Amino acid sequence: MLAWRCVRRWCDPPTALLAVGLLWAGSPLIYYQTFKLSLSHNAAFLGVTLMTWALLRAREERGRNWPWWLAGMAWGLMLIVRFQLAVFAVVPAWIWWREARAAGTTRRAAAMAGAWLAGVVPLLALQFFAWHVVYGRWLVFTYGEEGEGFNWLHPAFFGGLLSAQHGLFYWHPFLLAGATGLGWLAWRRDRLALAGSLALVLVVYVNAAWWCWWFASSFGQRAFDGACLYLMIGLAGLLTRLPAAGRTALCGLGGMAAAWNFYVMAVFYTTAISRNDAVTWAQMFHAGGRCWTIVREFLSQLP
């Protein structure tokens, strides 16, 4: 619902619903909002979406501080969910800078920054306190416990985006439509789409620099959870720009991509395909028989 309320700023409500539904159904996000709710990705998407909605309200209600407080709280939630989500701070930073310039006074800029910090600090303080109670340390980076780290100078861009080993666009090709639309909106100098594009670029870089850029037993590229909102915005922009025939064709492709995604979820969940290694489209296609065999064996064991 929040994603729809954000996306409809770029188009009419039915088109926004279509963009959100198609992008969601064709992305890795649907898997982590159904089969794997225990992981952090649903909370990450909530944080990014809530922050973006609050920033849109801040733009509509200039002079009021509560949207900035809510945006700060959402970013604080994102940060304690996973440190890498900090890159989405470029979105409020860009809007804050534009709003501060428009206001023309440092007083208004300070009020917005203060409201933002009032939302961020309580959540971070609560998390730091919890870490101190459990681990005896105020700051804990759990990803680095076994020497994991980032290779900032040699990021695996091709692998993270296009390889059969959980490449974002290889496993979920319909997301290319959202990325194309977001780029077009940014080129048209849409302020929030431009900031969202920058956030997407940073997400790509951070994920590609991580030593395990395929994110182990990930359904597609799960670390792009928060970026899905901006891809939804991009898809909405693309749908509004295309002529009727192009819009129909794109929706048809979206429906086919969603059906394929549901199928891949089935073979992935039942372990008919590898959860960690590279899996080609041909291997996904031929895994249907093994998936059905696994399901039948499971059903035969039920009382």
C-alpha atoms as a PDB file:
ATOM      1  CA  MET A   1       0.000   0.000   0.000  1.00  0.00           C
ATOM      2  CA  LEU A   2       2.809   2.406   0.858  1.00  0.00           C
ATOM      3  CA  ALA A   3       4.584   1.578  -2.404  1.00  0.00           C
ATOM      4  CA  TRP A   4       1.397   2.335  -4.335  1.00  0.00           C
ATOM      5  CA  ARG A   5       0.957   5.617  -2.473  1.00  0.00           C
ATOM      6  CA  CYS A   6       4.506   6.570  -3.478  1.00  0.00           C
ATOM      7  CA  VAL A   7       4.305   5.468  -7.112  1.00  0.00           C
ATOM      8  CA  ARG A   8       0.996   7.190  -7.829  1.00  0.00           C
ATOM      9  CA  ARG A   9       2.816  10.543  -7.582  1.00  0.00           C
ATOM     10  CA  TRP A  10       4.174   9.761 -11.053  1.00  0.00           C
ATOM     11  CA  CYS A  11       0.978   8.473 -12.697  1.00  0.00           C
ATOM     12  CA  ASP A  12      -2.715   7.792 -12.199  1.00  0.00           C
ATOM     13  CA  PRO A  13      -3.690   5.340  -9.420  1.00  0.00           C
ATOM     14  CA  PRO A  14      -4.557   2.363 -11.721  1.00  0.00           C
ATOM     15  CA  THR A  15      -1.213   2.626 -13.541  1.00  0.00           C
ATOM     16  CA  ALA A  16       0.569   2.875 -10.191  1.00  0.00           C
ATOM     17  CA  LEU A  17      -1.166  -0.302  -9.019  1.00  0.00           C
ATOM     18  CA  LEU A  18      -0.174  -2.038 -12.247  1.00  0.00           C
ATOM     19  CA  ALA A  19       3.465  -0.937 -11.929  1.00  0.00           C
ATOM     20  CA  VAL A  20       3.722  -2.011  -8.286  1.00  0.00           C
ATOM     21  CA  GLY A  21       2.018  -5.370  -8.926  1.00  0.00           C
ATOM     22  CA  LEU A  22       3.989  -6.325 -12.034  1.00  0.00           C
ATOM     23  CA  LEU A  23       7.368  -5.289 -10.645  1.00  0.00           C
ATOM     24  CA  TRP A  24       6.695  -7.012  -7.325  1.00  0.00           C
ATOM     25  CA  ALA A  25       5.543 -10.237  -8.972  1.00  0.00           C
ATOM     26  CA  GLY A  26       8.588 -10.331 -11.236  1.00  0.00           C
ATOM     27  CA  SER A  27      11.198  -9.516  -8.575  1.00  0.00           C
ATOM     28  CA  PRO A  28      12.979 -11.389  -5.755  1.00  0.00           C
ATOM     29  CA  LEU A  29      10.980  -9.327  -3.263  1.00  0.00           C
ATOM     30  CA  ILE A  30       7.863 -11.486  -3.581  1.00  0.00           C
ATOM     31  CA  TYR A  31       9.786 -14.534  -2.358  1.00  0.00           C
ATOM     32  CA  TYR A  32      10.941 -12.702   0.772  1.00  0.00           C
ATOM     33  CA  GLN A  33       7.465 -11.369   1.500  1.00  0.00           C
ATOM     34  CA  THR A  34       5.892 -14.824   1.299  1.00  0.00           C
ATOM     35  CA  PHE A  35       8.188 -17.826   1.801  1.00  0.00           C
ATOM     36  CA  LYS A  36      10.981 -16.187   3.832  1.00  0.00           C
ATOM     37  CA  LEU A  37       9.424 -13.593   6.117  1.00  0.00           C
ATOM     38  CA  SER A  38      11.959 -14.399   8.849  1.00  0.00           C
ATOM     39  CA  LEU A  39      14.746 -12.688   6.889  1.00  0.00           C
ATOM     40  CA  SER A  40      15.441  -8.949   6.881  1.00  0.00           C
ATOM     41  CA  HIS A  41      14.376  -8.107   3.327  1.00  0.00           C
ATOM     42  CA  ASN A  42      10.727  -7.360   4.055  1.00  0.00           C
ATOM     43  CA  ALA A  43      11.756  -4.922   6.804  1.00  0.00           C
ATOM     44  CA  ALA A  44      14.314  -3.353   4.468  1.00  0.00           C
ATOM     45  CA  PHE A  45      11.686  -2.724   1.797  1.00  0.00           C
ATOM     46  CA  LEU A  46       9.335  -1.291   4.433  1.00  0.00           C
ATOM     47  CA  GLY A  47      12.035   1.100   5.635  1.00  0.00           C
ATOM     48  CA  VAL A  48      12.877   2.412   2.155  1.00  0.00           C
ATOM     49  CA  THR A  49       9.213   2.754   1.213  1.00  0.00           C
ATOM     50  CA  LEU A  50       8.237   4.507   4.441  1.00  0.00           C
ATOM     51  CA  MET A  51      11.156   6.905   4.123  1.00  0.00           C
ATOM     52  CA  THR A  52      10.292   7.728   0.508  1.00  0.00           C
ATOM     53  CA  TRP A  53       6.604   8.268   1.313  1.00  0.00           C
ATOM     54  CA  ALA A  54       7.564  10.601   4.179  1.00  0.00           C
ATOM     55  CA  LEU A  55       9.909  12.572   1.895  1.00  0.00           C
ATOM     56  CA  LEU A  56       7.137  12.958  -0.659  1.00  0.00           C
ATOM     57  CA  ARG A  57       4.884  14.319   2.086  1.00  0.00           C
ATOM     58  CA  ALA A  58       7.683  16.685   3.161  1.00  0.00           C
ATOM     59  CA  ARG A  59       7.803  18.045  -0.371  1.00  0.00           C
ATOM     60  CA  GLU A  60       4.029  18.497  -0.418  1.00  0.00           C
ATOM     61  CA  GLU A  61       3.813  20.009   3.074  1.00  0.00           C
ATOM     62  CA  ARG A  62       6.703  22.458   3.152  1.00  0.00           C
ATOM     63  CA  GLY A  63       7.148  24.069   6.518  1.00  0.00           C
ATOM     64  CA  ARG A  64       6.104  21.024   8.545  1.00  0.00           C
ATOM     65  CA  ASN A  65       8.650  18.891  10.380  1.00  0.00           C
ATOM     66  CA  TRP A  66       6.805  15.638  11.064  1.00  0.00           C
ATOM     67  CA  PRO A  67       7.545  14.111   7.622  1.00  0.00           C
ATOM     68  CA  TRP A  68      11.260  14.629   8.220  1.00  0.00           C
ATOM     69  CA  TRP A  69      10.989  12.990  11.633  1.00  0.00           C
ATOM     70  CA  LEU A  70       9.210  10.003  10.079  1.00  0.00           C
ATOM     71  CA  ALA A  71      11.771   9.798   7.267  1.00  0.00           C
ATOM     72  CA  GLY A  72      14.562   9.815   9.850  1.00  0.00           C
ATOM     73  CA  MET A  73      12.886   7.048  11.828  1.00  0.00           C
ATOM     74  CA  ALA A  74      12.521   4.949   8.666  1.00  0.00           C
ATOM     75  CA  TRP A  75      16.193   5.427   7.781  1.00  0.00           C
ATOM     76  CA  GLY A  76      17.155   4.465  11.339  1.00  0.00           C
ATOM     77  CA  LEU A  77      15.125   1.275  10.927  1.00  0.00           C
ATOM     78  CA  MET A  78      16.923   0.540   7.644  1.00  0.00           C
ATOM     79  CA  LEU A  79      20.318   1.051   9.269  1.00  0.00           C
ATOM     80  CA  ILE A  80      19.717  -1.342  12.164  1.00  0.00           C
ATOM     81  CA  VAL A  81      18.273  -3.916   9.760  1.00  0.00           C
ATOM     82  CA  ARG A  82      21.416  -3.907   7.581  1.00  0.00           C
ATOM     83  CA  PHE A  83      24.272  -1.386   7.493  1.00  0.00           C
ATOM     84  CA  GLN A  84      24.471  -1.478   3.683  1.00  0.00           C
ATOM     85  CA  LEU A  85      21.080   0.223   3.475  1.00  0.00           C
ATOM     86  CA  ALA A  86      22.736   3.421   4.690  1.00  0.00           C
ATOM     87  CA  VAL A  87      23.316   4.336   1.023  1.00  0.00           C
ATOM     88  CA  PHE A  88      19.650   5.328   0.737  1.00  0.00           C
ATOM     89  CA  ALA A  89      20.519   8.411   2.796  1.00  0.00           C
ATOM     90  CA  VAL A  90      21.419  10.054  -0.528  1.00  0.00           C
ATOM     91  CA  VAL A  91      17.680  10.425  -1.228  1.00  0.00           C
ATOM     92  CA  PRO A  92      16.804  12.585   1.826  1.00  0.00           C
ATOM     93  CA  ALA A  93      20.165  14.358   1.561  1.00  0.00           C
ATOM     94  CA  TRP A  94      19.372  15.415  -2.008  1.00  0.00           C
ATOM     95  CA  ILE A  95      15.850  16.555  -1.115  1.00  0.00           C
ATOM     96  CA  TRP A  96      17.055  18.325   2.042  1.00  0.00           C
ATOM     97  CA  TRP A  97      19.611  20.243  -0.007  1.00  0.00           C
ATOM     98  CA  ARG A  98      16.991  21.249  -2.598  1.00  0.00           C
ATOM     99  CA  GLU A  99      14.441  22.213   0.065  1.00  0.00           C
ATOM    100  CA  ALA A 100      17.039  24.201   1.995  1.00  0.00           C
ATOM    101  CA  ARG A 101      17.955  26.127  -1.156  1.00  0.00           C
ATOM    102  CA  ALA A 102      14.283  26.790  -1.921  1.00  0.00           C
ATOM    103  CA  ALA A 103      13.596  28.004   1.629  1.00  0.00           C
ATOM    104  CA  GLY A 104      16.504  30.433   1.426  1.00  0.00           C
ATOM    105  CA  THR A 105      17.148  30.406   5.195  1.00  0.00           C
ATOM    106  CA  THR A 106      19.442  28.327   7.395  1.00  0.00           C
ATOM    107  CA  ARG A 107      16.741  28.249  10.075  1.00  0.00           C
ATOM    108  CA  ARG A 108      14.443  26.115   7.971  1.00  0.00           C
ATOM    109  CA  ALA A 109      17.298  23.828   6.920  1.00  0.00           C
ATOM    110  CA  ALA A 110      18.285  23.361  10.577  1.00  0.00           C
ATOM    111  CA  ALA A 111      14.687  22.509  11.518  1.00  0.00           C
ATOM    112  CA  MET A 112      14.517  19.802   8.841  1.00  0.00           C
ATOM    113  CA  ALA A 113      17.871  18.340   9.914  1.00  0.00           C
ATOM    114  CA  GLY A 114      16.832  18.407  13.555  1.00  0.00           C
ATOM    115  CA  ALA A 115      13.564  16.605  12.832  1.00  0.00           C
ATOM    116  CA  TRP A 116      15.483  14.003  10.802  1.00  0.00           C
ATOM    117  CA  LEU A 117      17.922  13.351  13.646  1.00  0.00           C
ATOM    118  CA  ALA A 118      15.065  13.166  16.156  1.00  0.00           C
ATOM    119  CA  GLY A 119      13.758  10.212  14.177  1.00  0.00           C
ATOM    120  CA  VAL A 120      17.119   8.506  13.641  1.00  0.00           C
ATOM    121  CA  VAL A 121      18.723   8.720  17.077  1.00  0.00           C
ATOM    122  CA  PRO A 122      16.165   6.805  19.234  1.00  0.00           C
ATOM    123  CA  LEU A 123      16.245   3.720  16.997  1.00  0.00           C
ATOM    124  CA  LEU A 124      20.038   3.661  16.803  1.00  0.00           C
ATOM    125  CA  ALA A 125      20.318   4.177  20.553  1.00  0.00           C
ATOM    126  CA  LEU A 126      17.961   1.268  21.200  1.00  0.00           C
ATOM    127  CA  GLN A 127      19.964  -1.019  18.893  1.00  0.00           C
ATOM    128  CA  PHE A 128      23.318   0.034  20.392  1.00  0.00           C
ATOM    129  CA  PHE A 129      21.941  -0.684  23.880  1.00  0.00           C
ATOM    130  CA  ALA A 130      20.702  -4.125  22.789  1.00  0.00           C
ATOM    131  CA  TRP A 131      24.103  -4.974  21.286  1.00  0.00           C
ATOM    132  CA  HIS A 132      25.847  -3.892  24.468  1.00  0.00           C
ATOM    133  CA  VAL A 133      23.579  -6.073  26.608  1.00  0.00           C
ATOM    134  CA  VAL A 134      23.994  -9.146  24.388  1.00  0.00           C
ATOM    135  CA  TYR A 135      27.590  -8.835  23.127  1.00  0.00           C
ATOM    136  CA  GLY A 136      29.221  -6.390  25.534  1.00  0.00           C
ATOM    137  CA  ARG A 137      29.963  -4.015  22.633  1.00  0.00           C
ATOM    138  CA  TRP A 138      28.115  -0.897  21.548  1.00  0.00           C
ATOM    139  CA  LEU A 139      28.667  -1.569  17.832  1.00  0.00           C
ATOM    140  CA  VAL A 140      28.473  -4.993  16.204  1.00  0.00           C
ATOM    141  CA  PHE A 141      29.091  -5.784  12.542  1.00  0.00           C
ATOM    142  CA  THR A 142      27.929  -9.389  12.324  1.00  0.00           C
ATOM    143  CA  TYR A 143      28.919  -9.783   8.671  1.00  0.00           C
ATOM    144  CA  GLY A 144      32.579  -9.386   9.587  1.00  0.00           C
ATOM    145  CA  GLU A 145      32.747 -12.016  12.330  1.00  0.00           C
ATOM    146  CA  GLU A 146      34.526 -14.553  10.063  1.00  0.00           C
ATOM    147  CA  GLY A 147      36.691 -12.150   8.116  1.00  0.00           C
ATOM    148  CA  GLU A 148      34.188 -11.292   5.383  1.00  0.00           C
ATOM    149  CA  GLY A 149      34.608  -7.956   3.729  1.00  0.00           C
ATOM    150  CA  PHE A 150      34.275  -5.748   0.675  1.00  0.00           C
ATOM    151  CA  ASN A 151      36.495  -5.608  -2.395  1.00  0.00           C
ATOM    152  CA  TRP A 152      35.947  -1.935  -3.189  1.00  0.00           C
ATOM    153  CA  LEU A 153      38.507  -1.808  -5.997  1.00  0.00           C
ATOM    154  CA  HIS A 154      37.263  -4.861  -7.909  1.00  0.00           C
ATOM    155  CA  PRO A 155      33.451  -5.038  -7.671  1.00  0.00           C
ATOM    156  CA  ALA A 156      31.756  -7.863  -9.579  1.00  0.00           C
ATOM    157  CA  PHE A 157      29.334  -5.714 -11.583  1.00  0.00           C
ATOM    158  CA  PHE A 158      28.737  -8.267 -14.333  1.00  0.00           C
ATOM    159  CA  GLY A 159      28.237 -11.101 -11.861  1.00  0.00           C
ATOM    160  CA  GLY A 160      25.851  -9.187  -9.636  1.00  0.00           C
ATOM    161  CA  LEU A 161      23.701  -7.999 -12.525  1.00  0.00           C
ATOM    162  CA  LEU A 162      23.957 -10.420 -15.447  1.00  0.00           C
ATOM    163  CA  SER A 163      25.457 -13.763 -14.446  1.00  0.00           C
ATOM    164  CA  ALA A 164      23.562 -17.012 -13.965  1.00  0.00           C
ATOM    165  CA  GLN A 165      24.834 -17.028 -10.363  1.00  0.00           C
ATOM    166  CA  HIS A 166      22.009 -14.917  -8.981  1.00  0.00           C
ATOM    167  CA  GLY A 167      22.529 -11.979 -11.329  1.00  0.00           C
ATOM    168  CA  LEU A 168      19.727  -9.476 -10.771  1.00  0.00           C
ATOM    169  CA  PHE A 169      18.629  -9.110 -14.404  1.00  0.00           C
ATOM    170  CA  TYR A 170      19.436 -12.722 -15.306  1.00  0.00           C
ATOM    171  CA  TRP A 171      17.060 -14.138 -12.704  1.00  0.00           C
ATOM    172  CA  HIS A 172      14.540 -11.301 -12.968  1.00  0.00           C
ATOM    173  CA  PRO A 173      14.810  -9.778 -16.474  1.00  0.00           C
ATOM    174  CA  PHE A 174      11.624  -7.699 -16.150  1.00  0.00           C
ATOM    175  CA  LEU A 175      13.440  -5.452 -13.666  1.00  0.00           C
ATOM    176  CA  LEU A 176      15.265  -4.025 -16.680  1.00  0.00           C
ATOM    177  CA  ALA A 177      12.032  -2.244 -17.607  1.00  0.00           C
ATOM    178  CA  GLY A 178      11.951  -0.558 -14.186  1.00  0.00           C
ATOM    179  CA  ALA A 179      15.616   0.435 -14.437  1.00  0.00           C
ATOM    180  CA  THR A 180      15.043   1.871 -17.930  1.00  0.00           C
ATOM    181  CA  GLY A 181      12.068   3.899 -16.771  1.00  0.00           C
ATOM    182  CA  LEU A 182      13.934   5.187 -13.715  1.00  0.00           C
ATOM    183  CA  GLY A 183      16.802   6.298 -15.932  1.00  0.00           C
ATOM    184  CA  TRP A 184      14.371   8.102 -18.218  1.00  0.00           C
ATOM    185  CA  LEU A 185      12.754   9.916 -15.277  1.00  0.00           C
ATOM    186  CA  ALA A 186      16.180  10.919 -13.993  1.00  0.00           C
ATOM    187  CA  TRP A 187      17.128  12.193 -17.452  1.00  0.00           C
ATOM    188  CA  ARG A 188      13.953  14.298 -17.379  1.00  0.00           C
ATOM    189  CA  ARG A 189      15.373  15.806 -14.163  1.00  0.00           C
ATOM    190  CA  ASP A 190      12.718  14.447 -11.857  1.00  0.00           C
ATOM    191  CA  ARG A 191      14.280  15.260  -8.494  1.00  0.00           C
ATOM    192  CA  LEU A 192      13.335  12.188  -6.500  1.00  0.00           C
ATOM    193  CA  ALA A 193      13.872   9.819  -9.434  1.00  0.00           C
ATOM    194  CA  LEU A 194      17.337  11.316  -9.865  1.00  0.00           C
ATOM    195  CA  ALA A 195      18.130  10.717  -6.194  1.00  0.00           C
ATOM    196  CA  GLY A 196      16.654   7.219  -6.444  1.00  0.00           C
ATOM    197  CA  SER A 197      18.856   6.493  -9.483  1.00  0.00           C
ATOM    198  CA  LEU A 198      21.916   7.544  -7.510  1.00  0.00           C
ATOM    199  CA  ALA A 199      20.842   5.289  -4.635  1.00  0.00           C
ATOM    200  CA  LEU A 200      20.398   2.401  -7.092  1.00  0.00           C
ATOM    201  CA  VAL A 201      23.909   2.936  -8.484  1.00  0.00           C
ATOM    202  CA  LEU A 202      25.338   2.890  -4.955  1.00  0.00           C
ATOM    203  CA  VAL A 203      23.399  -0.289  -4.119  1.00  0.00           C
ATOM    204  CA  VAL A 204      24.817  -1.957  -7.236  1.00  0.00           C
ATOM    205  CA  TYR A 205      28.337  -0.928  -6.248  1.00  0.00           C
ATOM    206  CA  VAL A 206      28.070  -2.021  -2.595  1.00  0.00           C
ATOM    207  CA  ASN A 207      26.512  -5.386  -3.499  1.00  0.00           C
ATOM    208  CA  ALA A 208      29.052  -6.040  -6.248  1.00  0.00           C
ATOM    209  CA  ALA A 209      31.931  -5.213  -3.891  1.00  0.00           C
ATOM    210  CA  TRP A 210      30.821  -7.699  -1.220  1.00  0.00           C
ATOM    211  CA  TRP A 211      33.000 -10.819  -1.245  1.00  0.00           C
ATOM    212  CA  CYS A 212      29.923 -13.043  -1.642  1.00  0.00           C
ATOM    213  CA  TRP A 213      28.310 -10.896  -4.347  1.00  0.00           C
ATOM    214  CA  TRP A 214      25.833 -13.701  -5.215  1.00  0.00           C
ATOM    215  CA  PHE A 215      24.642 -13.655  -1.564  1.00  0.00           C
ATOM    216  CA  ALA A 216      24.840 -17.424  -1.037  1.00  0.00           C
ATOM    217  CA  SER A 217      21.448 -19.174  -1.074  1.00  0.00           C
ATOM    218  CA  SER A 218      19.669 -16.121  -2.432  1.00  0.00           C
ATOM    219  CA  PHE A 219      16.568 -16.168  -4.611  1.00  0.00           C
ATOM    220  CA  GLY A 220      17.936 -13.963  -7.341  1.00  0.00           C
ATOM    221  CA  GLN A 221      19.671 -10.906  -5.862  1.00  0.00           C
ATOM    222  CA  ARG A 222      17.976 -10.486  -2.507  1.00  0.00           C
ATOM    223  CA  ALA A 223      20.200  -7.548  -1.506  1.00  0.00           C
ATOM    224  CA  PHE A 224      18.326  -5.295  -3.963  1.00  0.00           C
ATOM    225  CA  ASP A 225      15.259  -5.404  -1.703  1.00  0.00           C
ATOM    226  CA  GLY A 226      14.997  -1.669  -1.004  1.00  0.00           C
ATOM    227  CA  ALA A 227      15.792  -0.680  -4.595  1.00  0.00           C
ATOM    228  CA  CYS A 228      12.625  -2.429  -5.799  1.00  0.00           C
ATOM    229  CA  LEU A 229      10.570   0.641  -4.865  1.00  0.00           C
ATOM    230  CA  TYR A 230      12.520   2.877  -7.245  1.00  0.00           C
ATOM    231  CA  LEU A 231      12.244   0.262  -9.977  1.00  0.00           C
ATOM    232  CA  MET A 232       8.466   0.371  -9.434  1.00  0.00           C
ATOM    233  CA  ILE A 233       8.604   4.141  -9.887  1.00  0.00           C
ATOM    234  CA  GLY A 234      10.629   3.658 -13.057  1.00  0.00           C
ATOM    235  CA  LEU A 235       8.155   1.135 -14.446  1.00  0.00           C
ATOM    236  CA  ALA A 236       5.299   3.557 -13.777  1.00  0.00           C
ATOM    237  CA  GLY A 237       7.180   6.281 -15.652  1.00  0.00           C
ATOM    238  CA  LEU A 238       7.742   3.934 -18.579  1.00  0.00           C
ATOM    239  CA  LEU A 239       4.077   2.875 -18.689  1.00  0.00           C
ATOM    240  CA  THR A 240       2.931   6.501 -18.828  1.00  0.00           C
ATOM    241  CA  ARG A 241       5.361   7.352 -21.617  1.00  0.00           C
ATOM    242  CA  LEU A 242       4.636   4.434 -23.955  1.00  0.00           C
ATOM    243  CA  PRO A 243       1.821   4.533 -26.542  1.00  0.00           C
ATOM    244  CA  ALA A 244      -1.155   2.217 -26.045  1.00  0.00           C
ATOM    245  CA  ALA A 245       0.353  -0.644 -28.067  1.00  0.00           C
ATOM    246  CA  GLY A 246       3.692  -0.430 -26.270  1.00  0.00           C
ATOM    247  CA  ARG A 247       1.966  -0.287 -22.896  1.00  0.00           C
ATOM    248  CA  THR A 248      -0.042  -3.416 -23.719  1.00  0.00           C
ATOM    249  CA  ALA A 249       3.088  -5.228 -24.872  1.00  0.00           C
ATOM    250  CA  LEU A 250       4.987  -4.258 -21.725  1.00  0.00           C
ATOM    251  CA  CYS A 251       2.138  -5.447 -19.503  1.00  0.00           C
ATOM    252  CA  GLY A 252       2.088  -8.734 -21.423  1.00  0.00           C
ATOM    253  CA  LEU A 253       5.809  -9.151 -20.859  1.00  0.00           C
ATOM    254  CA  GLY A 254       5.270  -8.333 -17.194  1.00  0.00           C
ATOM    255  CA  GLY A 255       2.621 -11.050 -16.904  1.00  0.00           C
ATOM    256  CA  MET A 256       4.918 -13.595 -18.558  1.00  0.00           C
ATOM    257  CA  ALA A 257       7.794 -12.548 -16.278  1.00  0.00           C
ATOM    258  CA  ALA A 258       5.572 -12.960 -13.211  1.00  0.00           C
ATOM    259  CA  ALA A 259       4.494 -16.459 -14.306  1.00  0.00           C
ATOM    260  CA  TRP A 260       8.125 -17.449 -14.889  1.00  0.00           C
ATOM    261  CA  ASN A 261       9.089 -15.992 -11.500  1.00  0.00           C
ATOM    262  CA  PHE A 262       6.419 -18.064  -9.743  1.00  0.00           C
ATOM    263  CA  TYR A 263       7.751 -21.173 -11.484  1.00  0.00           C
ATOM    264  CA  VAL A 264      11.358 -20.384 -10.524  1.00  0.00           C
ATOM    265  CA  MET A 265      10.237 -19.822  -6.929  1.00  0.00           C
ATOM    266  CA  ALA A 266       8.713 -23.317  -6.925  1.00  0.00           C
ATOM    267  CA  VAL A 267      11.832 -25.074  -8.219  1.00  0.00           C
ATOM    268  CA  PHE A 268      14.027 -22.974  -5.926  1.00  0.00           C
ATOM    269  CA  TYR A 269      11.966 -23.568  -2.792  1.00  0.00           C
ATOM    270  CA  THR A 270      11.801 -27.311  -3.371  1.00  0.00           C
ATOM    271  CA  THR A 271      15.599 -27.421  -4.025  1.00  0.00           C
ATOM    272  CA  ALA A 272      15.023 -28.761  -7.528  1.00  0.00           C
ATOM    273  CA  ILE A 273      17.743 -26.265  -8.504  1.00  0.00           C
ATOM    274  CA  SER A 274      20.818 -25.209  -6.569  1.00  0.00           C
ATOM    275  CA  ARG A 275      20.331 -22.409  -4.081  1.00  0.00           C
ATOM    276  CA  ASN A 276      23.958 -21.335  -4.037  1.00  0.00           C
ATOM    277  CA  ASP A 277      25.538 -22.138  -7.403  1.00  0.00           C
ATOM    278  CA  ALA A 278      24.962 -20.694 -10.854  1.00  0.00           C
ATOM    279  CA  VAL A 279      21.720 -21.867 -12.483  1.00  0.00           C
ATOM    280  CA  THR A 280      21.016 -21.246 -16.165  1.00  0.00           C
ATOM    281  CA  TRP A 281      17.573 -20.681 -17.680  1.00  0.00           C
ATOM    282  CA  ALA A 282      17.788 -24.129 -19.286  1.00  0.00           C
ATOM    283  CA  GLN A 283      18.469 -25.739 -15.903  1.00  0.00           C
ATOM    284  CA  MET A 284      15.553 -23.848 -14.374  1.00  0.00           C
ATOM    285  CA  PHE A 285      13.270 -25.038 -17.163  1.00  0.00           C
ATOM    286  CA  HIS A 286      14.278 -28.693 -16.894  1.00  0.00           C
ATOM    287  CA  ALA A 287      13.959 -28.663 -13.088  1.00  0.00           C
ATOM    288  CA  GLY A 288      10.158 -28.769 -13.313  1.00  0.00           C
ATOM    289  CA  GLY A 289      10.059 -32.575 -13.407  1.00  0.00           C
ATOM    290  CA  ARG A 290      12.303 -32.886 -10.362  1.00  0.00           C
ATOM    291  CA  CYS A 291      10.194 -30.291  -8.527  1.00  0.00           C
ATOM    292  CA  TRP A 292       7.043 -32.312  -9.148  1.00  0.00           C
ATOM    293  CA  THR A 293       8.778 -35.490  -7.950  1.00  0.00           C
ATOM    294  CA  ILE A 294       9.842 -33.786  -4.715  1.00  0.00           C
ATOM    295  CA  VAL A 295       6.304 -32.505  -4.117  1.00  0.00           C
ATOM    296  CA  ARG A 296       4.788 -35.960  -4.730  1.00  0.00           C
ATOM    297  CA  GLU A 297       7.271 -37.610  -2.348  1.00  0.00           C
ATOM    298  CA  PHE A 298       6.399 -35.040   0.303  1.00  0.00           C
ATOM    299  CA  LEU A 299       2.670 -35.535  -0.145  1.00  0.00           C
ATOM    300  CA  SER A 300       3.036 -39.329   0.016  1.00  0.00           C
ATOM    301  CA  GLN A 301       4.569 -39.049   3.482  1.00  0.00           C
ATOM    302  CA  LEU A 302       1.636 -37.128   4.923  1.00  0.00           C
ATOM    303  CA  PRO A 303      -0.704 -39.118   7.207  1.00  0.00           C
END
